[in-house]
Amino acid sequence: MKHLVVLALACLIVAVVPARATMCNVDVTPAATLLLPYFEVDFDHAKGPNTLFSVNNSAAVAVLAHVILWSDLSSPVLDFNIYLTGYDMQTFDLRDILVNGNLPQTASAGQDPSDTISPKGPKSQDVNFASCSGQLPPPHLPAIFIQHLKLSLTGKASPVLGNLCAGRDLATTSRAATSRWTR
């Protein structure tokens, strides 16, 4: 009986510890996750398959979201931050990211009151995440990294990964497709 009381007390102590996360850092803390289970992009044809999706902030308070693009073998190949003012929405065009290297251009985390990228609406809030200074908006991806993404998402060896593969060989270098259902 004494052991059960000690165990119950220990569980209560652990249950009341608040979760903490640090802005602009990848850390092991609880967070919401939006999983896009499948995407497809044709690298060679502008009118070929592409994937568009959006992330919405349904609250009035501004948030910082961390985006990670995974290969079909669950290897992270690209990550970046986006800033959303209250009730903001950001649309992603994966072809624009993977072929042109254009990461979504969101606001600079409340540091510029004249911001027109993610303007603050009359019912939304804007927050200054000082720890994100210089990280937003994200820069254009260099050509070597665009090549890394193409190789990684088609199952070819990437020099960025020490000539290792991040995904299954799709027997093509013109189309990336991934499915997290196979996990």
C-alpha atoms as a PDB file:
ATOM      1  CA  MET A   1       0.000   0.000   0.000  1.00  0.00           C
ATOM      2  CA  LYS A   2       2.856   2.366   0.873  1.00  0.00           C
ATOM      3  CA  HIS A   3       4.376   1.816  -2.599  1.00  0.00           C
ATOM      4  CA  LEU A   4       1.082   2.701  -4.303  1.00  0.00           C
ATOM      5  CA  VAL A   5       0.849   5.983  -2.386  1.00  0.00           C
ATOM      6  CA  VAL A   6       4.448   6.890  -3.334  1.00  0.00           C
ATOM      7  CA  LEU A   7       3.792   5.971  -6.987  1.00  0.00           C
ATOM      8  CA  ALA A   8       0.573   8.027  -7.069  1.00  0.00           C
ATOM      9  CA  LEU A   9       2.354  11.005  -5.495  1.00  0.00           C
ATOM     10  CA  ALA A  10       5.195  10.748  -8.023  1.00  0.00           C
ATOM     11  CA  CYS A  11       2.674  10.686 -10.889  1.00  0.00           C
ATOM     12  CA  LEU A  12       0.977  13.812  -9.537  1.00  0.00           C
ATOM     13  CA  ILE A  13       4.282  15.673  -9.295  1.00  0.00           C
ATOM     14  CA  VAL A  14       5.178  14.778 -12.879  1.00  0.00           C
ATOM     15  CA  ALA A  15       1.684  15.709 -14.097  1.00  0.00           C
ATOM     16  CA  VAL A  16       1.872  19.292 -12.802  1.00  0.00           C
ATOM     17  CA  VAL A  17       5.206  20.210 -14.447  1.00  0.00           C
ATOM     18  CA  PRO A  18       4.363  22.646 -17.258  1.00  0.00           C
ATOM     19  CA  ALA A  19       5.671  21.996 -20.780  1.00  0.00           C
ATOM     20  CA  ARG A  20       8.114  24.608 -22.038  1.00  0.00           C
ATOM     21  CA  ALA A  21       9.350  25.323 -25.534  1.00  0.00           C
ATOM     22  CA  THR A  22      11.925  27.789 -26.793  1.00  0.00           C
ATOM     23  CA  MET A  23      11.066  29.869 -29.858  1.00  0.00           C
ATOM     24  CA  CYS A  24      13.189  29.348 -33.007  1.00  0.00           C
ATOM     25  CA  ASN A  25      14.777  26.177 -31.593  1.00  0.00           C
ATOM     26  CA  VAL A  26      14.034  22.561 -32.327  1.00  0.00           C
ATOM     27  CA  ASP A  27      13.664  20.941 -28.938  1.00  0.00           C
ATOM     28  CA  VAL A  28      12.060  17.873 -27.434  1.00  0.00           C
ATOM     29  CA  THR A  29       8.852  19.376 -26.035  1.00  0.00           C
ATOM     30  CA  PRO A  30       5.178  18.843 -26.737  1.00  0.00           C
ATOM     31  CA  ALA A  31       3.873  20.638 -29.810  1.00  0.00           C
ATOM     32  CA  ALA A  32       1.073  20.447 -32.313  1.00  0.00           C
ATOM     33  CA  THR A  33       1.925  18.572 -35.501  1.00  0.00           C
ATOM     34  CA  LEU A  34       0.286  18.902 -38.882  1.00  0.00           C
ATOM     35  CA  LEU A  35       1.216  15.971 -41.074  1.00  0.00           C
ATOM     36  CA  LEU A  36       0.807  16.127 -44.818  1.00  0.00           C
ATOM     37  CA  PRO A  37       0.892  12.368 -45.499  1.00  0.00           C
ATOM     38  CA  TYR A  38       1.628  12.546 -49.230  1.00  0.00           C
ATOM     39  CA  PHE A  39       3.057  15.031 -51.663  1.00  0.00           C
ATOM     40  CA  GLU A  40       4.171  14.903 -55.256  1.00  0.00           C
ATOM     41  CA  VAL A  41       6.182  17.364 -57.344  1.00  0.00           C
ATOM     42  CA  ASP A  42       7.327  17.071 -60.960  1.00  0.00           C
ATOM     43  CA  PHE A  43      10.701  18.845 -61.146  1.00  0.00           C
ATOM     44  CA  ASP A  44      10.871  19.058 -64.932  1.00  0.00           C
ATOM     45  CA  HIS A  45       7.378  20.100 -65.999  1.00  0.00           C
ATOM     46  CA  ALA A  46       5.782  23.299 -64.701  1.00  0.00           C
ATOM     47  CA  LYS A  47       2.306  21.922 -65.460  1.00  0.00           C
ATOM     48  CA  GLY A  48       3.082  18.479 -63.991  1.00  0.00           C
ATOM     49  CA  PRO A  49       1.973  17.253 -60.564  1.00  0.00           C
ATOM     50  CA  ASN A  50       2.511  19.681 -57.697  1.00  0.00           C
ATOM     51  CA  THR A  51       1.359  19.972 -54.113  1.00  0.00           C
ATOM     52  CA  LEU A  52      -0.125  23.084 -52.539  1.00  0.00           C
ATOM     53  CA  PHE A  53      -1.228  23.315 -48.928  1.00  0.00           C
ATOM     54  CA  SER A  54      -1.835  26.013 -46.355  1.00  0.00           C
ATOM     55  CA  VAL A  55      -1.273  26.471 -42.649  1.00  0.00           C
ATOM     56  CA  ASN A  56      -3.783  28.619 -40.789  1.00  0.00           C
ATOM     57  CA  ASN A  57      -3.577  30.327 -37.411  1.00  0.00           C
ATOM     58  CA  SER A  58      -7.072  30.080 -35.934  1.00  0.00           C
ATOM     59  CA  ALA A  59      -6.290  32.232 -32.871  1.00  0.00           C
ATOM     60  CA  ALA A  60      -5.898  35.977 -32.416  1.00  0.00           C
ATOM     61  CA  VAL A  61      -2.391  35.656 -30.972  1.00  0.00           C
ATOM     62  CA  ALA A  62       0.580  35.456 -33.359  1.00  0.00           C
ATOM     63  CA  VAL A  63       2.495  32.165 -33.541  1.00  0.00           C
ATOM     64  CA  LEU A  64       5.775  30.867 -34.831  1.00  0.00           C
ATOM     65  CA  ALA A  65       5.535  27.537 -36.670  1.00  0.00           C
ATOM     66  CA  HIS A  66       8.417  25.242 -37.539  1.00  0.00           C
ATOM     67  CA  VAL A  67       8.086  23.407 -40.851  1.00  0.00           C
ATOM     68  CA  ILE A  68      10.015  20.203 -41.589  1.00  0.00           C
ATOM     69  CA  LEU A  69      10.004  18.456 -44.956  1.00  0.00           C
ATOM     70  CA  TRP A  70      10.635  14.698 -44.602  1.00  0.00           C
ATOM     71  CA  SER A  71      11.655  12.083 -47.131  1.00  0.00           C
ATOM     72  CA  ASP A  72       9.658   8.881 -47.603  1.00  0.00           C
ATOM     73  CA  LEU A  73      12.050   7.145 -45.174  1.00  0.00           C
ATOM     74  CA  SER A  74      11.375   9.706 -42.430  1.00  0.00           C
ATOM     75  CA  SER A  75      14.596  11.665 -42.879  1.00  0.00           C
ATOM     76  CA  PRO A  76      14.318  15.435 -42.421  1.00  0.00           C
ATOM     77  CA  VAL A  77      15.667  17.144 -45.552  1.00  0.00           C
ATOM     78  CA  LEU A  78      14.567  20.769 -45.045  1.00  0.00           C
ATOM     79  CA  ASP A  79      13.318  22.858 -42.130  1.00  0.00           C
ATOM     80  CA  PHE A  80      12.437  26.521 -41.661  1.00  0.00           C
ATOM     81  CA  ASN A  81      10.262  28.799 -39.521  1.00  0.00           C
ATOM     82  CA  ILE A  82       7.176  30.753 -40.530  1.00  0.00           C
ATOM     83  CA  TYR A  83       5.550  33.547 -38.572  1.00  0.00           C
ATOM     84  CA  LEU A  84       1.772  33.925 -38.590  1.00  0.00           C
ATOM     85  CA  THR A  85      -0.002  36.928 -37.137  1.00  0.00           C
ATOM     86  CA  GLY A  86      -3.400  36.318 -35.560  1.00  0.00           C
ATOM     87  CA  TYR A  87      -5.816  34.651 -38.001  1.00  0.00           C
ATOM     88  CA  ASP A  88      -3.055  34.572 -40.628  1.00  0.00           C
ATOM     89  CA  MET A  89      -2.664  31.951 -43.356  1.00  0.00           C
ATOM     90  CA  GLN A  90       0.403  30.832 -45.297  1.00  0.00           C
ATOM     91  CA  THR A  91       0.164  28.853 -48.536  1.00  0.00           C
ATOM     92  CA  PHE A  92       2.991  26.523 -49.563  1.00  0.00           C
ATOM     93  CA  ASP A  93       3.795  25.660 -53.175  1.00  0.00           C
ATOM     94  CA  LEU A  94       6.183  22.706 -52.964  1.00  0.00           C
ATOM     95  CA  ARG A  95       7.363  23.146 -56.568  1.00  0.00           C
ATOM     96  CA  ASP A  96       8.354  26.741 -55.809  1.00  0.00           C
ATOM     97  CA  ILE A  97      10.311  25.521 -52.766  1.00  0.00           C
ATOM     98  CA  LEU A  98      11.923  22.408 -54.300  1.00  0.00           C
ATOM     99  CA  VAL A  99      12.624  23.707 -57.821  1.00  0.00           C
ATOM    100  CA  ASN A 100      13.112  27.452 -57.344  1.00  0.00           C
ATOM    101  CA  GLY A 101      14.337  27.529 -53.732  1.00  0.00           C
ATOM    102  CA  ASN A 102      11.716  30.081 -52.710  1.00  0.00           C
ATOM    103  CA  LEU A 103      10.748  29.530 -49.088  1.00  0.00           C
ATOM    104  CA  PRO A 104       7.463  31.111 -47.956  1.00  0.00           C
ATOM    105  CA  GLN A 105       8.041  34.757 -47.105  1.00  0.00           C
ATOM    106  CA  THR A 106       6.314  35.484 -43.829  1.00  0.00           C
ATOM    107  CA  ALA A 107       6.672  38.508 -41.604  1.00  0.00           C
ATOM    108  CA  SER A 108       9.740  39.226 -39.511  1.00  0.00           C
ATOM    109  CA  ALA A 109       8.062  38.260 -36.226  1.00  0.00           C
ATOM    110  CA  GLY A 110       6.539  41.586 -35.314  1.00  0.00           C
ATOM    111  CA  GLN A 111       9.746  43.568 -35.736  1.00  0.00           C
ATOM    112  CA  ASP A 112       8.487  45.801 -38.525  1.00  0.00           C
ATOM    113  CA  PRO A 113       5.203  47.651 -37.887  1.00  0.00           C
ATOM    114  CA  SER A 114       4.883  48.516 -41.592  1.00  0.00           C
ATOM    115  CA  ASP A 115       5.053  44.833 -42.569  1.00  0.00           C
ATOM    116  CA  THR A 116       3.006  44.016 -45.659  1.00  0.00           C
ATOM    117  CA  ILE A 117       3.949  40.310 -45.905  1.00  0.00           C
ATOM    118  CA  SER A 118       1.857  39.186 -42.917  1.00  0.00           C
ATOM    119  CA  PRO A 119      -0.044  42.325 -41.968  1.00  0.00           C
ATOM    120  CA  LYS A 120      -1.760  42.519 -38.608  1.00  0.00           C
ATOM    121  CA  GLY A 121      -5.529  42.655 -39.048  1.00  0.00           C
ATOM    122  CA  PRO A 122      -7.927  44.636 -36.855  1.00  0.00           C
ATOM    123  CA  LYS A 123      -8.713  41.597 -34.643  1.00  0.00           C
ATOM    124  CA  SER A 124      -5.311  39.889 -34.753  1.00  0.00           C
ATOM    125  CA  GLN A 125      -2.265  40.302 -32.585  1.00  0.00           C
ATOM    126  CA  ASP A 126       1.379  40.694 -33.506  1.00  0.00           C
ATOM    127  CA  VAL A 127       4.177  39.427 -31.257  1.00  0.00           C
ATOM    128  CA  ASN A 128       7.845  40.345 -31.303  1.00  0.00           C
ATOM    129  CA  PHE A 129       9.864  37.128 -31.041  1.00  0.00           C
ATOM    130  CA  ALA A 130      13.225  38.779 -30.340  1.00  0.00           C
ATOM    131  CA  SER A 131      15.007  35.404 -30.467  1.00  0.00           C
ATOM    132  CA  CYS A 132      14.086  35.140 -34.161  1.00  0.00           C
ATOM    133  CA  SER A 133      15.957  38.270 -35.203  1.00  0.00           C
ATOM    134  CA  GLY A 134      17.683  37.652 -38.524  1.00  0.00           C
ATOM    135  CA  GLN A 135      15.894  34.321 -39.140  1.00  0.00           C
ATOM    136  CA  LEU A 136      12.714  35.680 -40.707  1.00  0.00           C
ATOM    137  CA  PRO A 137      11.820  35.959 -43.454  1.00  0.00           C
ATOM    138  CA  PRO A 138      13.791  32.875 -44.527  1.00  0.00           C
ATOM    139  CA  PRO A 139      16.413  33.363 -47.260  1.00  0.00           C
ATOM    140  CA  HIS A 140      16.338  31.915 -50.776  1.00  0.00           C
ATOM    141  CA  LEU A 141      17.806  28.395 -50.903  1.00  0.00           C
ATOM    142  CA  PRO A 142      21.202  28.120 -52.656  1.00  0.00           C
ATOM    143  CA  ALA A 143      21.522  25.956 -55.809  1.00  0.00           C
ATOM    144  CA  ILE A 144      23.545  23.252 -54.001  1.00  0.00           C
ATOM    145  CA  PHE A 145      20.760  22.837 -51.453  1.00  0.00           C
ATOM    146  CA  ILE A 146      18.057  22.715 -54.143  1.00  0.00           C
ATOM    147  CA  GLN A 147      20.057  19.897 -55.755  1.00  0.00           C
ATOM    148  CA  HIS A 148      20.265  18.174 -52.345  1.00  0.00           C
ATOM    149  CA  LEU A 149      16.472  18.321 -52.003  1.00  0.00           C
ATOM    150  CA  LYS A 150      15.946  16.892 -55.485  1.00  0.00           C
ATOM    151  CA  LEU A 151      18.403  14.045 -54.859  1.00  0.00           C
ATOM    152  CA  SER A 152      17.115  13.324 -51.339  1.00  0.00           C
ATOM    153  CA  LEU A 153      13.478  13.169 -52.366  1.00  0.00           C
ATOM    154  CA  THR A 154      14.126  10.883 -55.339  1.00  0.00           C
ATOM    155  CA  GLY A 155      16.275   8.406 -53.388  1.00  0.00           C
ATOM    156  CA  LYS A 156      19.639   9.426 -54.810  1.00  0.00           C
ATOM    157  CA  ALA A 157      22.845  10.065 -52.839  1.00  0.00           C
ATOM    158  CA  SER A 158      23.238  13.688 -51.727  1.00  0.00           C
ATOM    159  CA  PRO A 159      26.610  15.373 -51.115  1.00  0.00           C
ATOM    160  CA  VAL A 160      24.982  17.328 -48.269  1.00  0.00           C
ATOM    161  CA  LEU A 161      24.347  13.974 -46.542  1.00  0.00           C
ATOM    162  CA  GLY A 162      27.871  12.662 -47.141  1.00  0.00           C
ATOM    163  CA  ASN A 163      26.735  10.896 -50.341  1.00  0.00           C
ATOM    164  CA  LEU A 164      24.097   8.902 -48.468  1.00  0.00           C
ATOM    165  CA  CYS A 165      20.439   8.517 -49.435  1.00  0.00           C
ATOM    166  CA  ALA A 166      17.507   9.970 -47.488  1.00  0.00           C
ATOM    167  CA  GLY A 167      14.753   8.068 -49.268  1.00  0.00           C
ATOM    168  CA  ARG A 168      13.814   5.136 -51.470  1.00  0.00           C
ATOM    169  CA  ASP A 169      15.177   5.171 -55.017  1.00  0.00           C
ATOM    170  CA  LEU A 170      12.234   6.210 -57.184  1.00  0.00           C
ATOM    171  CA  ALA A 171      14.112   5.349 -60.419  1.00  0.00           C
ATOM    172  CA  THR A 172      13.677   8.955 -61.555  1.00  0.00           C
ATOM    173  CA  THR A 173      15.171  12.354 -60.852  1.00  0.00           C
ATOM    174  CA  SER A 174      12.257  14.270 -62.310  1.00  0.00           C
ATOM    175  CA  ARG A 175       9.535  13.524 -59.784  1.00  0.00           C
ATOM    176  CA  ALA A 176       9.499  13.498 -55.986  1.00  0.00           C
ATOM    177  CA  ALA A 177       6.759  11.656 -54.167  1.00  0.00           C
ATOM    178  CA  THR A 178       6.539  10.691 -50.551  1.00  0.00           C
ATOM    179  CA  SER A 179       4.090   8.816 -48.441  1.00  0.00           C
ATOM    180  CA  ARG A 180       4.231   8.680 -44.686  1.00  0.00           C
ATOM    181  CA  TRP A 181       1.567   5.954 -44.709  1.00  0.00           C
ATOM    182  CA  THR A 182       4.259   3.337 -45.382  1.00  0.00           C
ATOM    183  CA  ARG A 183       5.868   3.881 -41.994  1.00  0.00           C
END
